[in-house]
Amino acid sequence: MKKLLFILIAVMLLTGFHAPNGNIISKGDFSDKLLINLGNPTVRTDLGLVQTRAFGGIVYIKREVWTYKIDQYNYRFIIENGQIVADHWTRF
């Protein structure tokens, strides 16, 4: 039981992106957390509005891609309506 709890805690700590100041940024967080911990993105690409049907009506989702360059890594975050939905990193 202790091993299972230890593994569960280890997985929770390893998920997400670690900002240079030590904070963990993961999917589902609001984009304000990126601005607070990393500042303004190097490149901010607007993907426009996506129209979706939900809750008996039409809902518009605003999508953006925020790119940060930290040391030799490029981090890309996809933001929908101010919330992080995906992240991806590449080297160089």
C-alpha atoms as a PDB file:
ATOM      1  CA  MET A   1       0.000   0.000   0.000  1.00  0.00           C
ATOM      2  CA  LYS A   2       2.860   2.383   0.818  1.00  0.00           C
ATOM      3  CA  LYS A   3       4.536   1.601  -2.510  1.00  0.00           C
ATOM      4  CA  LEU A   4       1.341   2.389  -4.412  1.00  0.00           C
ATOM      5  CA  LEU A   5       0.970   5.694  -2.591  1.00  0.00           C
ATOM      6  CA  PHE A   6       4.638   6.539  -3.260  1.00  0.00           C
ATOM      7  CA  ILE A   7       4.282   5.757  -6.984  1.00  0.00           C
ATOM      8  CA  LEU A   8       1.090   7.803  -7.202  1.00  0.00           C
ATOM      9  CA  ILE A   9       2.749  10.827  -5.588  1.00  0.00           C
ATOM     10  CA  ALA A  10       5.835  10.457  -7.821  1.00  0.00           C
ATOM     11  CA  VAL A  11       3.695  10.404 -10.976  1.00  0.00           C
ATOM     12  CA  MET A  12       1.773  13.477  -9.831  1.00  0.00           C
ATOM     13  CA  LEU A  13       5.020  15.377  -9.240  1.00  0.00           C
ATOM     14  CA  LEU A  14       6.506  14.422 -12.609  1.00  0.00           C
ATOM     15  CA  THR A  15       3.512  15.468 -14.711  1.00  0.00           C
ATOM     16  CA  GLY A  16       3.418  18.919 -16.205  1.00  0.00           C
ATOM     17  CA  PHE A  17       6.024  21.486 -17.119  1.00  0.00           C
ATOM     18  CA  HIS A  18       8.411  22.819 -14.485  1.00  0.00           C
ATOM     19  CA  ALA A  19       8.939  26.571 -14.833  1.00  0.00           C
ATOM     20  CA  PRO A  20      12.436  27.918 -14.119  1.00  0.00           C
ATOM     21  CA  ASN A  21      11.214  29.215 -10.750  1.00  0.00           C
ATOM     22  CA  GLY A  22      10.073  25.695  -9.763  1.00  0.00           C
ATOM     23  CA  ASN A  23       6.306  25.993 -10.256  1.00  0.00           C
ATOM     24  CA  ILE A  24       4.513  23.185 -12.082  1.00  0.00           C
ATOM     25  CA  ILE A  25       2.366  24.192 -15.054  1.00  0.00           C
ATOM     26  CA  SER A  26       0.075  21.468 -16.385  1.00  0.00           C
ATOM     27  CA  LYS A  27      -2.906  20.974 -18.676  1.00  0.00           C
ATOM     28  CA  GLY A  28      -6.088  22.490 -17.326  1.00  0.00           C
ATOM     29  CA  ASP A  29      -4.334  25.441 -15.675  1.00  0.00           C
ATOM     30  CA  PHE A  30      -5.303  28.949 -16.707  1.00  0.00           C
ATOM     31  CA  SER A  31      -3.008  30.896 -19.018  1.00  0.00           C
ATOM     32  CA  ASP A  32      -2.450  33.459 -16.248  1.00  0.00           C
ATOM     33  CA  LYS A  33      -0.125  30.936 -14.627  1.00  0.00           C
ATOM     34  CA  LEU A  34       2.088  31.038 -17.741  1.00  0.00           C
ATOM     35  CA  LEU A  35       2.164  34.835 -17.721  1.00  0.00           C
ATOM     36  CA  ILE A  36       3.037  34.964 -14.017  1.00  0.00           C
ATOM     37  CA  ASN A  37       5.802  32.339 -14.163  1.00  0.00           C
ATOM     38  CA  LEU A  38       7.267  32.832 -17.663  1.00  0.00           C
ATOM     39  CA  GLY A  39       6.198  36.328 -18.732  1.00  0.00           C
ATOM     40  CA  ASN A  40       4.927  37.181 -22.196  1.00  0.00           C
ATOM     41  CA  PRO A  41       5.472  34.478 -24.841  1.00  0.00           C
ATOM     42  CA  THR A  42       8.162  34.855 -27.477  1.00  0.00           C
ATOM     43  CA  VAL A  43       5.593  34.134 -30.214  1.00  0.00           C
ATOM     44  CA  ARG A  44       1.835  34.324 -29.790  1.00  0.00           C
ATOM     45  CA  THR A  45      -0.154  32.872 -32.710  1.00  0.00           C
ATOM     46  CA  ASP A  46      -3.908  33.373 -32.937  1.00  0.00           C
ATOM     47  CA  LEU A  47      -5.666  30.358 -34.459  1.00  0.00           C
ATOM     48  CA  GLY A  48      -9.005  32.161 -34.598  1.00  0.00           C
ATOM     49  CA  LEU A  49     -12.417  31.153 -33.343  1.00  0.00           C
ATOM     50  CA  VAL A  50     -13.784  27.626 -33.593  1.00  0.00           C
ATOM     51  CA  GLN A  51     -17.550  27.249 -33.675  1.00  0.00           C
ATOM     52  CA  THR A  52     -18.995  24.328 -31.702  1.00  0.00           C
ATOM     53  CA  ARG A  53     -22.457  23.186 -30.767  1.00  0.00           C
ATOM     54  CA  ALA A  54     -22.876  22.654 -27.048  1.00  0.00           C
ATOM     55  CA  PHE A  55     -25.567  23.036 -24.415  1.00  0.00           C
ATOM     56  CA  GLY A  56     -28.294  23.544 -27.005  1.00  0.00           C
ATOM     57  CA  GLY A  57     -26.595  26.464 -28.727  1.00  0.00           C
ATOM     58  CA  ILE A  58     -23.493  27.636 -30.510  1.00  0.00           C
ATOM     59  CA  VAL A  59     -20.307  28.185 -28.515  1.00  0.00           C
ATOM     60  CA  TYR A  60     -17.182  29.890 -29.840  1.00  0.00           C
ATOM     61  CA  ILE A  61     -13.755  28.723 -28.656  1.00  0.00           C
ATOM     62  CA  LYS A  62     -10.784  31.067 -29.090  1.00  0.00           C
ATOM     63  CA  ARG A  63      -7.542  29.168 -29.757  1.00  0.00           C
ATOM     64  CA  GLU A  64      -3.976  30.444 -29.485  1.00  0.00           C
ATOM     65  CA  VAL A  65      -0.493  28.926 -29.525  1.00  0.00           C
ATOM     66  CA  TRP A  66       2.030  30.458 -27.141  1.00  0.00           C
ATOM     67  CA  THR A  67       5.708  29.695 -27.760  1.00  0.00           C
ATOM     68  CA  TYR A  68       8.441  30.222 -25.180  1.00  0.00           C
ATOM     69  CA  LYS A  69      12.191  29.791 -25.688  1.00  0.00           C
ATOM     70  CA  ILE A  70      13.971  28.825 -22.473  1.00  0.00           C
ATOM     71  CA  ASP A  71      17.678  28.023 -22.804  1.00  0.00           C
ATOM     72  CA  GLN A  72      17.893  25.589 -25.748  1.00  0.00           C
ATOM     73  CA  TYR A  73      14.298  24.356 -25.525  1.00  0.00           C
ATOM     74  CA  ASN A  74      11.178  25.583 -27.290  1.00  0.00           C
ATOM     75  CA  TYR A  75       7.918  25.106 -25.411  1.00  0.00           C
ATOM     76  CA  ARG A  76       4.549  25.357 -27.181  1.00  0.00           C
ATOM     77  CA  PHE A  77       1.297  25.700 -25.265  1.00  0.00           C
ATOM     78  CA  ILE A  78      -2.135  25.541 -26.892  1.00  0.00           C
ATOM     79  CA  ILE A  79      -4.593  27.835 -25.135  1.00  0.00           C
ATOM     80  CA  GLU A  80      -8.383  27.550 -25.522  1.00  0.00           C
ATOM     81  CA  ASN A  81     -10.491  30.275 -23.905  1.00  0.00           C
ATOM     82  CA  GLY A  82      -7.669  31.117 -21.513  1.00  0.00           C
ATOM     83  CA  GLN A  83      -6.974  27.535 -20.427  1.00  0.00           C
ATOM     84  CA  ILE A  84      -3.990  25.310 -21.291  1.00  0.00           C
ATOM     85  CA  VAL A  85      -5.172  22.254 -23.234  1.00  0.00           C
ATOM     86  CA  ALA A  86      -1.875  20.909 -24.617  1.00  0.00           C
ATOM     87  CA  ASP A  87       1.855  21.414 -24.315  1.00  0.00           C
ATOM     88  CA  HIS A  88       4.805  20.282 -26.411  1.00  0.00           C
ATOM     89  CA  TRP A  89       8.551  20.875 -26.243  1.00  0.00           C
ATOM     90  CA  THR A  90      11.397  20.555 -28.715  1.00  0.00           C
ATOM     91  CA  ARG A  91      15.111  21.038 -28.422  1.00  0.00           C
ATOM     92  CA  PHE A  92      16.828  23.774 -30.484  1.00  0.00           C
END
